Amino acid sequence: MTPEITNVPKAPRWINTEAGHKAWCEYTLWRGKASKAFSVQDRTRLLDEAEQLTHPEVVIDDRQDTTDTTAEGEHPLPETHLSA
């Protein structure tokens, strides 16, 4: 069995998640953005985006909306937490 040869350069050290490595290898546009990302905020956003690309069933919502939209007498749904 021969090893698979790819033309993908080694991922930067800051890409430290499985989804990040998969996105680096499989998504050329994402890799281009990642290779130019220098700020922590950009890198964090890109790793979140990698999660979306590789696991589309997981929704990442980083908005800080604290508005109570439940009507009087109505109970909000219980919070659920995803574990890694």
C-alpha atoms as a PDB file:
ATOM      1  CA  MET A   1       0.000   0.000   0.000  1.00  0.00           C
ATOM      2  CA  THR A   2       1.467   3.368  -1.014  1.00  0.00           C
ATOM      3  CA  PRO A   3       1.022   6.474   1.141  1.00  0.00           C
ATOM      4  CA  GLU A   4      -1.278   9.187  -0.169  1.00  0.00           C
ATOM      5  CA  ILE A   5       0.622  12.144  -1.615  1.00  0.00           C
ATOM      6  CA  THR A   6      -0.958  15.581  -1.298  1.00  0.00           C
ATOM      7  CA  ASN A   7       0.117  19.050  -2.330  1.00  0.00           C
ATOM      8  CA  VAL A   8      -1.246  20.630   0.845  1.00  0.00           C
ATOM      9  CA  PRO A   9       1.367  22.453   2.937  1.00  0.00           C
ATOM     10  CA  LYS A  10       1.691  21.672   6.630  1.00  0.00           C
ATOM     11  CA  ALA A  11      -0.962  23.418   8.743  1.00  0.00           C
ATOM     12  CA  PRO A  12       0.101  26.313  11.011  1.00  0.00           C
ATOM     13  CA  ARG A  13       0.548  25.471  14.714  1.00  0.00           C
ATOM     14  CA  TRP A  14      -2.486  27.536  15.752  1.00  0.00           C
ATOM     15  CA  ILE A  15      -4.779  25.125  13.905  1.00  0.00           C
ATOM     16  CA  ASN A  16      -5.099  22.701  16.784  1.00  0.00           C
ATOM     17  CA  THR A  17      -8.480  21.039  16.262  1.00  0.00           C
ATOM     18  CA  GLU A  18      -9.493  18.054  14.172  1.00  0.00           C
ATOM     19  CA  ALA A  19     -11.998  20.220  12.289  1.00  0.00           C
ATOM     20  CA  GLY A  20      -9.308  22.835  11.658  1.00  0.00           C
ATOM     21  CA  HIS A  21      -6.943  20.253  10.193  1.00  0.00           C
ATOM     22  CA  LYS A  22      -9.701  18.782   8.051  1.00  0.00           C
ATOM     23  CA  ALA A  23     -10.693  22.236   6.764  1.00  0.00           C
ATOM     24  CA  TRP A  24      -7.008  23.030   6.064  1.00  0.00           C
ATOM     25  CA  CYS A  25      -6.654  19.886   3.942  1.00  0.00           C
ATOM     26  CA  GLU A  26     -10.024  19.904   2.165  1.00  0.00           C
ATOM     27  CA  TYR A  27     -11.136  23.528   1.676  1.00  0.00           C
ATOM     28  CA  THR A  28      -8.816  25.666  -0.448  1.00  0.00           C
ATOM     29  CA  LEU A  29     -10.647  28.951   0.235  1.00  0.00           C
ATOM     30  CA  TRP A  30     -10.598  28.338   3.998  1.00  0.00           C
ATOM     31  CA  ARG A  31      -6.895  27.470   3.828  1.00  0.00           C
ATOM     32  CA  GLY A  32      -6.209  30.737   1.977  1.00  0.00           C
ATOM     33  CA  LYS A  33      -7.987  32.768   4.673  1.00  0.00           C
ATOM     34  CA  ALA A  34      -6.289  30.791   7.440  1.00  0.00           C
ATOM     35  CA  SER A  35      -2.832  31.351   6.015  1.00  0.00           C
ATOM     36  CA  LYS A  36      -3.389  35.121   6.244  1.00  0.00           C
ATOM     37  CA  ALA A  37      -4.974  35.175   9.722  1.00  0.00           C
ATOM     38  CA  PHE A  38      -2.779  36.860  12.319  1.00  0.00           C
ATOM     39  CA  SER A  39      -5.126  38.095  15.049  1.00  0.00           C
ATOM     40  CA  VAL A  40      -6.495  35.782  17.725  1.00  0.00           C
ATOM     41  CA  GLN A  41     -10.028  36.891  16.841  1.00  0.00           C
ATOM     42  CA  ASP A  42      -9.583  35.944  13.171  1.00  0.00           C
ATOM     43  CA  ARG A  43      -8.080  32.596  14.069  1.00  0.00           C
ATOM     44  CA  THR A  44     -10.846  31.819  16.548  1.00  0.00           C
ATOM     45  CA  ARG A  45     -13.486  32.764  13.976  1.00  0.00           C
ATOM     46  CA  LEU A  46     -11.810  30.528  11.398  1.00  0.00           C
ATOM     47  CA  LEU A  47     -11.707  27.566  13.781  1.00  0.00           C
ATOM     48  CA  ASP A  48     -15.427  28.094  14.448  1.00  0.00           C
ATOM     49  CA  GLU A  49     -15.988  28.224  10.695  1.00  0.00           C
ATOM     50  CA  ALA A  50     -14.021  24.981  10.318  1.00  0.00           C
ATOM     51  CA  GLU A  51     -16.389  23.335  12.800  1.00  0.00           C
ATOM     52  CA  GLN A  52     -19.315  24.528  10.661  1.00  0.00           C
ATOM     53  CA  LEU A  53     -17.707  23.186   7.482  1.00  0.00           C
ATOM     54  CA  THR A  54     -16.840  19.789   8.890  1.00  0.00           C
ATOM     55  CA  HIS A  55     -19.835  19.352  11.224  1.00  0.00           C
ATOM     56  CA  PRO A  56     -22.770  21.245   9.657  1.00  0.00           C
ATOM     57  CA  GLU A  57     -25.202  19.784  12.206  1.00  0.00           C
ATOM     58  CA  VAL A  58     -23.502  21.781  15.005  1.00  0.00           C
ATOM     59  CA  VAL A  59     -24.690  25.383  15.226  1.00  0.00           C
ATOM     60  CA  ILE A  60     -22.266  27.903  16.708  1.00  0.00           C
ATOM     61  CA  ASP A  61     -24.020  31.094  17.771  1.00  0.00           C
ATOM     62  CA  ASP A  62     -21.756  33.630  19.450  1.00  0.00           C
ATOM     63  CA  ARG A  63     -24.284  36.461  19.583  1.00  0.00           C
ATOM     64  CA  GLN A  64     -24.973  37.918  22.998  1.00  0.00           C
ATOM     65  CA  ASP A  65     -28.746  38.443  22.793  1.00  0.00           C
ATOM     66  CA  THR A  66     -30.248  38.754  26.259  1.00  0.00           C
ATOM     67  CA  THR A  67     -33.701  39.895  25.137  1.00  0.00           C
ATOM     68  CA  ASP A  68     -36.521  37.974  26.798  1.00  0.00           C
ATOM     69  CA  THR A  69     -38.953  37.072  24.017  1.00  0.00           C
ATOM     70  CA  THR A  70     -41.244  34.782  26.012  1.00  0.00           C
ATOM     71  CA  ALA A  71     -44.806  35.956  26.476  1.00  0.00           C
ATOM     72  CA  GLU A  72     -46.241  36.339  29.964  1.00  0.00           C
ATOM     73  CA  GLY A  73     -47.126  32.937  31.401  1.00  0.00           C
ATOM     74  CA  GLU A  74     -45.010  31.172  28.788  1.00  0.00           C
ATOM     75  CA  HIS A  75     -41.965  29.189  29.844  1.00  0.00           C
ATOM     76  CA  PRO A  76     -38.803  29.197  27.717  1.00  0.00           C
ATOM     77  CA  LEU A  77     -37.339  25.909  26.569  1.00  0.00           C
ATOM     78  CA  PRO A  78     -34.671  24.481  28.878  1.00  0.00           C
ATOM     79  CA  GLU A  79     -31.091  25.221  27.943  1.00  0.00           C
ATOM     80  CA  THR A  80     -29.140  22.382  26.424  1.00  0.00           C
ATOM     81  CA  HIS A  81     -25.375  22.270  26.452  1.00  0.00           C
ATOM     82  CA  LEU A  82     -23.252  20.466  23.897  1.00  0.00           C
ATOM     83  CA  SER A  83     -20.292  18.668  25.359  1.00  0.00           C
ATOM     84  CA  ALA A  84     -17.109  18.387  23.369  1.00  0.00           C
END
